Amino acid sequence: MDFLGVLYDNWSLSFWGNNIFNKIHATRAFFFGLEAPNFEDKLYVQLGAPRHLGASFDYEF
């Protein structure tokens, strides 16, 4: 997601970010019986990516 950018002739500069407020959120979850000896169902959750900010510079020639 671009937040701010500049485009001029054959170059551009943009600043971007993902999850800018660094919220913890689940992207997927499931119940699965994986642990011995009883193999009872347990909730497994994969969390989303943490805050990621950056800048991109592009030049076309």
N, C-alpha and C. Protein backbone atom coordinates (compact mmCIF):
# COMPACT_ATOMS: atom_id res chain seq x y z
N MET A 1 0.85 -1.16 0.00
CA MET A 1 0.00 0.00 0.00
C MET A 1 0.90 1.23 0.00
N ASP A 2 0.81 2.04 -1.02
CA ASP A 2 1.58 3.28 -1.08
C ASP A 2 0.87 4.36 -0.27
N PHE A 3 1.64 5.07 0.54
CA PHE A 3 1.09 6.17 1.33
C PHE A 3 1.37 7.51 0.69
N LEU A 4 2.56 7.64 0.17
CA LEU A 4 2.98 8.93 -0.37
C LEU A 4 3.96 8.64 -1.48
N GLY A 5 3.83 9.34 -2.58
CA GLY A 5 4.75 9.09 -3.69
C GLY A 5 4.96 10.33 -4.53
N VAL A 6 6.09 10.32 -5.24
CA VAL A 6 6.46 11.39 -6.14
C VAL A 6 6.85 10.76 -7.47
N LEU A 7 6.31 11.28 -8.56
CA LEU A 7 6.62 10.78 -9.89
C LEU A 7 7.15 11.95 -10.71
N TYR A 8 8.33 11.77 -11.29
CA TYR A 8 8.94 12.85 -12.07
C TYR A 8 9.70 12.25 -13.24
N ASP A 9 9.39 12.65 -14.45
CA ASP A 9 10.03 12.14 -15.68
C ASP A 9 10.18 10.62 -15.64
N ASN A 10 11.40 10.16 -15.45
CA ASN A 10 11.65 8.71 -15.52
C ASN A 10 12.02 8.11 -14.16
N TRP A 11 11.70 8.77 -13.06
CA TRP A 11 11.94 8.20 -11.74
C TRP A 11 10.74 8.44 -10.82
N SER A 12 10.65 7.61 -9.81
CA SER A 12 9.58 7.78 -8.81
C SER A 12 10.10 7.35 -7.44
N LEU A 13 9.56 7.95 -6.43
CA LEU A 13 9.89 7.65 -5.04
C LEU A 13 8.58 7.48 -4.30
N SER A 14 8.43 6.36 -3.59
CA SER A 14 7.20 6.13 -2.84
C SER A 14 7.52 5.56 -1.47
N PHE A 15 6.68 5.90 -0.50
CA PHE A 15 6.78 5.37 0.85
C PHE A 15 5.56 4.51 1.09
N TRP A 16 5.74 3.37 1.73
CA TRP A 16 4.66 2.40 1.87
C TRP A 16 4.72 1.71 3.23
N GLY A 17 3.66 1.02 3.56
CA GLY A 17 3.62 0.27 4.81
C GLY A 17 2.51 -0.75 4.83
N ASN A 18 2.71 -1.78 5.62
CA ASN A 18 1.71 -2.82 5.87
C ASN A 18 1.57 -2.99 7.38
N ASN A 19 0.35 -3.16 7.84
CA ASN A 19 0.06 -3.32 9.27
C ASN A 19 0.73 -2.20 10.07
N ILE A 20 0.49 -0.96 9.68
CA ILE A 20 1.22 0.17 10.27
C ILE A 20 0.94 0.37 11.75
N PHE A 21 -0.18 -0.12 12.27
CA PHE A 21 -0.46 0.00 13.70
C PHE A 21 -0.01 -1.23 14.47
N ASN A 22 0.66 -2.17 13.79
CA ASN A 22 1.26 -3.36 14.39
C ASN A 22 0.24 -4.17 15.20
N LYS A 23 -0.97 -4.35 14.65
CA LYS A 23 -2.00 -5.14 15.32
C LYS A 23 -1.70 -6.63 15.17
N ILE A 24 -1.91 -7.35 16.25
CA ILE A 24 -1.75 -8.81 16.22
C ILE A 24 -3.07 -9.39 15.74
N HIS A 25 -3.02 -10.18 14.67
CA HIS A 25 -4.23 -10.77 14.10
C HIS A 25 -3.92 -12.15 13.54
N ALA A 26 -4.92 -13.01 13.58
CA ALA A 26 -4.77 -14.36 13.04
C ALA A 26 -5.10 -14.35 11.56
N THR A 27 -4.24 -14.99 10.78
CA THR A 27 -4.51 -15.11 9.35
C THR A 27 -5.15 -16.45 9.01
N ARG A 28 -4.87 -17.46 9.84
CA ARG A 28 -5.54 -18.75 9.68
C ARG A 28 -5.42 -19.52 10.99
N ALA A 29 -6.37 -20.41 11.21
CA ALA A 29 -6.38 -21.22 12.43
C ALA A 29 -7.11 -22.53 12.14
N PHE A 30 -6.72 -23.57 12.86
CA PHE A 30 -7.40 -24.86 12.70
C PHE A 30 -7.18 -25.70 13.95
N PHE A 31 -8.09 -26.66 14.16
CA PHE A 31 -7.96 -27.64 15.23
C PHE A 31 -7.36 -28.90 14.62
N PHE A 32 -6.39 -29.48 15.34
CA PHE A 32 -5.73 -30.66 14.81
C PHE A 32 -5.20 -31.48 15.97
N GLY A 33 -5.42 -32.79 15.94
CA GLY A 33 -4.90 -33.70 16.96
C GLY A 33 -3.52 -34.18 16.57
N LEU A 34 -2.49 -33.54 17.10
CA LEU A 34 -1.12 -33.83 16.65
C LEU A 34 -0.21 -34.35 17.75
N GLU A 35 -0.59 -34.14 19.02
CA GLU A 35 0.32 -34.46 20.12
C GLU A 35 -0.07 -35.76 20.80
N ALA A 36 0.90 -36.67 20.87
CA ALA A 36 0.69 -37.96 21.54
C ALA A 36 0.62 -37.74 23.04
N PRO A 37 0.06 -38.58 23.84
CA PRO A 37 -0.46 -39.89 23.47
C PRO A 37 -1.95 -39.86 23.11
N ASN A 38 -2.70 -38.83 23.52
CA ASN A 38 -4.16 -38.85 23.31
C ASN A 38 -4.59 -38.24 21.98
N PHE A 39 -3.73 -37.48 21.35
CA PHE A 39 -4.03 -36.81 20.08
C PHE A 39 -5.33 -36.00 20.15
N GLU A 40 -5.48 -35.26 21.27
CA GLU A 40 -6.65 -34.40 21.43
C GLU A 40 -6.52 -33.19 20.51
N ASP A 41 -7.66 -32.73 20.03
CA ASP A 41 -7.65 -31.55 19.16
C ASP A 41 -7.10 -30.33 19.89
N LYS A 42 -6.22 -29.60 19.23
CA LYS A 42 -5.61 -28.40 19.79
C LYS A 42 -5.71 -27.31 18.73
N LEU A 43 -5.93 -26.08 19.17
CA LEU A 43 -6.03 -24.96 18.25
C LEU A 43 -4.63 -24.49 17.86
N TYR A 44 -4.36 -24.44 16.56
CA TYR A 44 -3.12 -23.91 16.02
C TYR A 44 -3.46 -22.64 15.24
N VAL A 45 -2.74 -21.56 15.50
CA VAL A 45 -3.03 -20.27 14.90
C VAL A 45 -1.77 -19.71 14.25
N GLN A 46 -1.92 -19.18 13.05
CA GLN A 46 -0.83 -18.48 12.39
C GLN A 46 -1.13 -16.99 12.43
N LEU A 47 -0.20 -16.23 12.98
CA LEU A 47 -0.39 -14.79 13.12
C LEU A 47 0.06 -14.06 11.87
N GLY A 48 -0.52 -12.89 11.65
CA GLY A 48 -0.16 -12.06 10.51
C GLY A 48 1.21 -11.42 10.69
N ALA A 49 1.70 -10.86 9.62
CA ALA A 49 3.03 -10.23 9.63
C ALA A 49 3.03 -8.99 10.51
N PRO A 50 4.17 -8.68 11.14
CA PRO A 50 4.27 -7.47 11.95
C PRO A 50 4.36 -6.23 11.06
N ARG A 51 4.49 -5.07 11.68
CA ARG A 51 4.60 -3.81 10.95
C ARG A 51 5.76 -3.88 9.96
N HIS A 52 5.51 -3.35 8.78
CA HIS A 52 6.52 -3.35 7.72
C HIS A 52 6.42 -2.02 6.99
N LEU A 53 7.43 -1.19 7.13
CA LEU A 53 7.47 0.13 6.51
C LEU A 53 8.66 0.18 5.56
N GLY A 54 8.55 0.98 4.52
CA GLY A 54 9.68 1.07 3.60
C GLY A 54 9.52 2.19 2.60
N ALA A 55 10.52 2.30 1.76
CA ALA A 55 10.53 3.28 0.68
C ALA A 55 11.03 2.58 -0.58
N SER A 56 10.50 3.00 -1.70
CA SER A 56 10.93 2.43 -2.98
C SER A 56 11.34 3.56 -3.92
N PHE A 57 12.44 3.34 -4.59
CA PHE A 57 12.91 4.27 -5.60
C PHE A 57 12.99 3.52 -6.92
N ASP A 58 12.31 4.02 -7.94
CA ASP A 58 12.31 3.39 -9.26
C ASP A 58 12.84 4.36 -10.29
N TYR A 59 13.67 3.83 -11.18
CA TYR A 59 14.22 4.63 -12.25
C TYR A 59 14.11 3.84 -13.55
N GLU A 60 13.56 4.46 -14.58
CA GLU A 60 13.43 3.80 -15.88
C GLU A 60 14.33 4.52 -16.88
N PHE A 61 15.10 3.72 -17.60
CA PHE A 61 15.97 4.30 -18.61
C PHE A 61 15.82 3.56 -19.92
